[in-house]
Amino acid sequence: MKTQNTLSLSTREHIGEVLRLIRRNQGSTLREVSAKAQVSLGYLSEIERGQKEASSEMLLAICNALEVPQSFIFREVSERLAKVEHVRAAGKHPQYAKALRKDEIMLRS
Protein backbone atom coordinates (compact mmCIF):
# COMPACT_ATOMS: atom_id res chain seq x y z
CA MET A 1 0.00 0.00 0.00
CA LYS A 2 1.33 3.42 -0.95
CA THR A 3 1.63 5.75 2.03
CA GLN A 4 1.67 9.51 1.75
CA ASN A 5 2.76 12.26 4.06
CA THR A 6 -0.36 13.46 5.91
CA LEU A 7 0.64 17.07 5.19
CA SER A 8 0.25 16.53 1.46
CA LEU A 9 -3.15 14.78 1.50
CA SER A 10 -6.18 16.53 0.03
CA THR A 11 -9.57 16.48 1.73
CA ARG A 12 -10.66 13.89 -0.84
CA GLU A 13 -7.73 11.66 0.16
CA HIS A 14 -8.46 12.06 3.87
CA ILE A 15 -12.08 11.03 3.27
CA GLY A 16 -10.92 7.98 1.32
CA GLU A 17 -8.48 6.98 4.06
CA VAL A 18 -11.13 7.27 6.75
CA LEU A 19 -13.63 5.23 4.74
CA ARG A 20 -11.02 2.54 4.09
CA LEU A 21 -9.98 2.36 7.75
CA ILE A 22 -13.60 1.97 8.86
CA ARG A 23 -14.28 -0.71 6.26
CA ARG A 24 -11.17 -2.67 7.15
CA ASN A 25 -11.78 -2.37 10.90
CA GLN A 26 -15.25 -3.79 10.33
CA GLY A 27 -13.76 -6.69 8.38
CA SER A 28 -15.79 -5.79 5.29
CA THR A 29 -14.57 -6.19 1.74
CA LEU A 30 -14.81 -3.61 -1.03
CA ARG A 31 -17.22 -5.95 -2.79
CA GLU A 32 -19.56 -6.14 0.24
CA VAL A 33 -19.63 -2.38 0.80
CA SER A 34 -20.01 -1.58 -2.89
CA ALA A 35 -22.98 -3.95 -3.13
CA LYS A 36 -24.67 -2.47 -0.05
CA ALA A 37 -24.01 1.10 -1.20
CA GLN A 38 -24.95 0.30 -4.81
CA VAL A 39 -21.66 1.82 -5.99
CA SER A 40 -19.40 0.06 -8.45
CA LEU A 41 -16.49 -1.75 -6.85
CA GLY A 42 -13.97 0.11 -9.01
CA TYR A 43 -15.42 3.51 -8.16
CA LEU A 44 -15.47 2.75 -4.42
CA SER A 45 -11.85 1.66 -4.68
CA GLU A 46 -10.96 4.94 -6.39
CA ILE A 47 -12.76 6.89 -3.64
CA GLU A 48 -10.84 5.03 -0.95
CA ARG A 49 -7.55 5.72 -2.73
CA GLY A 50 -8.42 9.40 -3.03
CA GLN A 51 -8.51 9.29 -6.82
CA LYS A 52 -12.20 10.17 -7.10
CA GLU A 53 -14.35 12.46 -5.02
CA ALA A 54 -17.63 11.05 -3.75
CA SER A 55 -20.73 13.16 -4.25
CA SER A 56 -22.73 13.89 -1.11
CA GLU A 57 -25.31 11.29 -2.17
CA MET A 58 -22.65 8.68 -2.80
CA LEU A 59 -20.94 9.43 0.51
CA LEU A 60 -24.29 8.98 2.27
CA ALA A 61 -24.80 5.61 0.54
CA ILE A 62 -21.31 4.47 1.56
CA CYS A 63 -21.82 5.64 5.14
CA ASN A 64 -25.14 3.79 5.28
CA ALA A 65 -23.46 0.65 3.94
CA LEU A 66 -20.77 0.99 6.63
CA GLU A 67 -23.43 1.84 9.22
CA VAL A 68 -21.63 5.00 10.35
CA PRO A 69 -23.06 8.53 10.37
CA GLN A 70 -21.66 11.02 7.88
CA SER A 71 -20.90 13.30 10.81
CA PHE A 72 -18.37 10.74 12.05
CA ILE A 73 -16.55 10.83 8.71
CA PHE A 74 -16.59 14.62 8.59
CA ARG A 75 -15.47 14.91 12.21
CA GLU A 76 -12.54 12.53 11.67
CA VAL A 77 -11.49 14.32 8.49
CA SER A 78 -11.90 17.68 10.20
CA GLU A 79 -9.66 16.59 13.07
CA ARG A 80 -7.02 15.36 10.63
CA LEU A 81 -7.13 18.62 8.69
CA ALA A 82 -6.96 20.68 11.88
CA LYS A 83 -3.77 18.87 12.86
CA VAL A 84 -2.26 19.51 9.44
CA GLU A 85 -3.30 23.15 9.43
CA HIS A 86 -1.93 23.66 12.91
CA VAL A 87 1.42 22.32 11.78
CA ARG A 88 1.35 24.59 8.73
CA ALA A 89 0.30 27.63 10.76
CA ALA A 90 3.35 27.17 13.02
CA GLY A 91 1.96 29.22 15.87
CA LYS A 92 0.04 31.81 13.86
CA HIS A 93 -3.47 32.56 15.09
CA PRO A 94 -5.81 32.98 12.12
CA GLN A 95 -8.66 35.45 12.47
CA TYR A 96 -11.10 33.33 10.45
CA ALA A 97 -13.02 32.32 13.58
CA LYS A 98 -14.40 35.84 13.94
CA ALA A 99 -15.90 35.63 10.46
CA LEU A 100 -18.37 32.98 11.60
CA ARG A 101 -20.36 33.93 14.65
CA LYS A 102 -22.21 31.03 16.26
CA ASP A 103 -25.42 33.01 16.67
CA GLU A 104 -25.54 33.44 12.89
CA ILE A 105 -25.45 29.72 12.18
CA MET A 106 -28.89 28.30 11.53
CA LEU A 107 -29.39 24.54 11.54
CA ARG A 108 -32.13 23.14 9.36
CA SER A 109 -34.41 20.71 11.12
C-alpha atoms as a PDB file:
ATOM      1  CA  MET A   1       0.000   0.000   0.000  1.00  0.00           C
ATOM      2  CA  LYS A   2       1.329   3.419  -0.949  1.00  0.00           C
ATOM      3  CA  THR A   3       1.632   5.747   2.027  1.00  0.00           C
ATOM      4  CA  GLN A   4       1.667   9.510   1.751  1.00  0.00           C
ATOM      5  CA  ASN A   5       2.759  12.257   4.061  1.00  0.00           C
ATOM      6  CA  THR A   6      -0.361  13.460   5.908  1.00  0.00           C
ATOM      7  CA  LEU A   7       0.638  17.070   5.191  1.00  0.00           C
ATOM      8  CA  SER A   8       0.254  16.528   1.456  1.00  0.00           C
ATOM      9  CA  LEU A   9      -3.147  14.783   1.498  1.00  0.00           C
ATOM     10  CA  SER A  10      -6.180  16.532   0.031  1.00  0.00           C
ATOM     11  CA  THR A  11      -9.571  16.483   1.730  1.00  0.00           C
ATOM     12  CA  ARG A  12     -10.658  13.889  -0.836  1.00  0.00           C
ATOM     13  CA  GLU A  13      -7.727  11.662   0.161  1.00  0.00           C
ATOM     14  CA  HIS A  14      -8.457  12.056   3.870  1.00  0.00           C
ATOM     15  CA  ILE A  15     -12.083  11.026   3.270  1.00  0.00           C
ATOM     16  CA  GLY A  16     -10.917   7.985   1.319  1.00  0.00           C
ATOM     17  CA  GLU A  17      -8.476   6.976   4.057  1.00  0.00           C
ATOM     18  CA  VAL A  18     -11.129   7.273   6.751  1.00  0.00           C
ATOM     19  CA  LEU A  19     -13.627   5.227   4.742  1.00  0.00           C
ATOM     20  CA  ARG A  20     -11.015   2.541   4.086  1.00  0.00           C
ATOM     21  CA  LEU A  21      -9.982   2.360   7.755  1.00  0.00           C
ATOM     22  CA  ILE A  22     -13.596   1.967   8.861  1.00  0.00           C
ATOM     23  CA  ARG A  23     -14.282  -0.712   6.258  1.00  0.00           C
ATOM     24  CA  ARG A  24     -11.171  -2.669   7.145  1.00  0.00           C
ATOM     25  CA  ASN A  25     -11.781  -2.367  10.895  1.00  0.00           C
ATOM     26  CA  GLN A  26     -15.253  -3.790  10.325  1.00  0.00           C
ATOM     27  CA  GLY A  27     -13.758  -6.691   8.381  1.00  0.00           C
ATOM     28  CA  SER A  28     -15.788  -5.792   5.294  1.00  0.00           C
ATOM     29  CA  THR A  29     -14.572  -6.188   1.735  1.00  0.00           C
ATOM     30  CA  LEU A  30     -14.814  -3.614  -1.035  1.00  0.00           C
ATOM     31  CA  ARG A  31     -17.225  -5.952  -2.786  1.00  0.00           C
ATOM     32  CA  GLU A  32     -19.558  -6.138   0.240  1.00  0.00           C
ATOM     33  CA  VAL A  33     -19.634  -2.381   0.797  1.00  0.00           C
ATOM     34  CA  SER A  34     -20.012  -1.584  -2.894  1.00  0.00           C
ATOM     35  CA  ALA A  35     -22.978  -3.955  -3.133  1.00  0.00           C
ATOM     36  CA  LYS A  36     -24.669  -2.474  -0.046  1.00  0.00           C
ATOM     37  CA  ALA A  37     -24.012   1.096  -1.196  1.00  0.00           C
ATOM     38  CA  GLN A  38     -24.950   0.299  -4.814  1.00  0.00           C
ATOM     39  CA  VAL A  39     -21.662   1.818  -5.987  1.00  0.00           C
ATOM     40  CA  SER A  40     -19.399   0.058  -8.452  1.00  0.00           C
ATOM     41  CA  LEU A  41     -16.491  -1.751  -6.847  1.00  0.00           C
ATOM     42  CA  GLY A  42     -13.972   0.111  -9.005  1.00  0.00           C
ATOM     43  CA  TYR A  43     -15.424   3.510  -8.156  1.00  0.00           C
ATOM     44  CA  LEU A  44     -15.470   2.745  -4.417  1.00  0.00           C
ATOM     45  CA  SER A  45     -11.846   1.660  -4.679  1.00  0.00           C
ATOM     46  CA  GLU A  46     -10.959   4.943  -6.391  1.00  0.00           C
ATOM     47  CA  ILE A  47     -12.763   6.894  -3.645  1.00  0.00           C
ATOM     48  CA  GLU A  48     -10.844   5.032  -0.950  1.00  0.00           C
ATOM     49  CA  ARG A  49      -7.551   5.720  -2.729  1.00  0.00           C
ATOM     50  CA  GLY A  50      -8.420   9.405  -3.032  1.00  0.00           C
ATOM     51  CA  GLN A  51      -8.509   9.290  -6.818  1.00  0.00           C
ATOM     52  CA  LYS A  52     -12.201  10.173  -7.101  1.00  0.00           C
ATOM     53  CA  GLU A  53     -14.346  12.459  -5.024  1.00  0.00           C
ATOM     54  CA  ALA A  54     -17.627  11.050  -3.754  1.00  0.00           C
ATOM     55  CA  SER A  55     -20.734  13.165  -4.249  1.00  0.00           C
ATOM     56  CA  SER A  56     -22.729  13.888  -1.108  1.00  0.00           C
ATOM     57  CA  GLU A  57     -25.314  11.292  -2.172  1.00  0.00           C
ATOM     58  CA  MET A  58     -22.647   8.677  -2.800  1.00  0.00           C
ATOM     59  CA  LEU A  59     -20.939   9.427   0.506  1.00  0.00           C
ATOM     60  CA  LEU A  60     -24.293   8.983   2.265  1.00  0.00           C
ATOM     61  CA  ALA A  61     -24.803   5.613   0.545  1.00  0.00           C
ATOM     62  CA  ILE A  62     -21.308   4.469   1.555  1.00  0.00           C
ATOM     63  CA  CYS A  63     -21.820   5.637   5.139  1.00  0.00           C
ATOM     64  CA  ASN A  64     -25.139   3.791   5.282  1.00  0.00           C
ATOM     65  CA  ALA A  65     -23.461   0.649   3.943  1.00  0.00           C
ATOM     66  CA  LEU A  66     -20.768   0.991   6.628  1.00  0.00           C
ATOM     67  CA  GLU A  67     -23.432   1.842   9.222  1.00  0.00           C
ATOM     68  CA  VAL A  68     -21.629   4.996  10.352  1.00  0.00           C
ATOM     69  CA  PRO A  69     -23.057   8.525  10.369  1.00  0.00           C
ATOM     70  CA  GLN A  70     -21.661  11.016   7.885  1.00  0.00           C
ATOM     71  CA  SER A  71     -20.902  13.299  10.805  1.00  0.00           C
ATOM     72  CA  PHE A  72     -18.374  10.745  12.049  1.00  0.00           C
ATOM     73  CA  ILE A  73     -16.554  10.830   8.710  1.00  0.00           C
ATOM     74  CA  PHE A  74     -16.589  14.619   8.590  1.00  0.00           C
ATOM     75  CA  ARG A  75     -15.467  14.905  12.212  1.00  0.00           C
ATOM     76  CA  GLU A  76     -12.543  12.529  11.667  1.00  0.00           C
ATOM     77  CA  VAL A  77     -11.487  14.315   8.489  1.00  0.00           C
ATOM     78  CA  SER A  78     -11.897  17.678  10.200  1.00  0.00           C
ATOM     79  CA  GLU A  79      -9.661  16.586  13.073  1.00  0.00           C
ATOM     80  CA  ARG A  80      -7.022  15.364  10.627  1.00  0.00           C
ATOM     81  CA  LEU A  81      -7.126  18.616   8.685  1.00  0.00           C
ATOM     82  CA  ALA A  82      -6.962  20.676  11.876  1.00  0.00           C
ATOM     83  CA  LYS A  83      -3.773  18.867  12.862  1.00  0.00           C
ATOM     84  CA  VAL A  84      -2.255  19.505   9.442  1.00  0.00           C
ATOM     85  CA  GLU A  85      -3.295  23.151   9.428  1.00  0.00           C
ATOM     86  CA  HIS A  86      -1.933  23.664  12.915  1.00  0.00           C
ATOM     87  CA  VAL A  87       1.416  22.323  11.785  1.00  0.00           C
ATOM     88  CA  ARG A  88       1.353  24.586   8.729  1.00  0.00           C
ATOM     89  CA  ALA A  89       0.300  27.628  10.760  1.00  0.00           C
ATOM     90  CA  ALA A  90       3.348  27.168  13.024  1.00  0.00           C
ATOM     91  CA  GLY A  91       1.957  29.221  15.872  1.00  0.00           C
ATOM     92  CA  LYS A  92       0.038  31.807  13.859  1.00  0.00           C
ATOM     93  CA  HIS A  93      -3.472  32.556  15.093  1.00  0.00           C
ATOM     94  CA  PRO A  94      -5.809  32.984  12.117  1.00  0.00           C
ATOM     95  CA  GLN A  95      -8.663  35.449  12.470  1.00  0.00           C
ATOM     96  CA  TYR A  96     -11.098  33.325  10.446  1.00  0.00           C
ATOM     97  CA  ALA A  97     -13.021  32.317  13.581  1.00  0.00           C
ATOM     98  CA  LYS A  98     -14.399  35.842  13.943  1.00  0.00           C
ATOM     99  CA  ALA A  99     -15.903  35.626  10.463  1.00  0.00           C
ATOM    100  CA  LEU A 100     -18.371  32.981  11.596  1.00  0.00           C
ATOM    101  CA  ARG A 101     -20.363  33.930  14.647  1.00  0.00           C
ATOM    102  CA  LYS A 102     -22.205  31.032  16.259  1.00  0.00           C
ATOM    103  CA  ASP A 103     -25.424  33.013  16.672  1.00  0.00           C
ATOM    104  CA  GLU A 104     -25.545  33.441  12.891  1.00  0.00           C
ATOM    105  CA  ILE A 105     -25.450  29.723  12.175  1.00  0.00           C
ATOM    106  CA  MET A 106     -28.885  28.295  11.527  1.00  0.00           C
ATOM    107  CA  LEU A 107     -29.386  24.544  11.536  1.00  0.00           C
ATOM    108  CA  ARG A 108     -32.127  23.136   9.361  1.00  0.00           C
ATOM    109  CA  SER A 109     -34.414  20.705  11.117  1.00  0.00           C
END
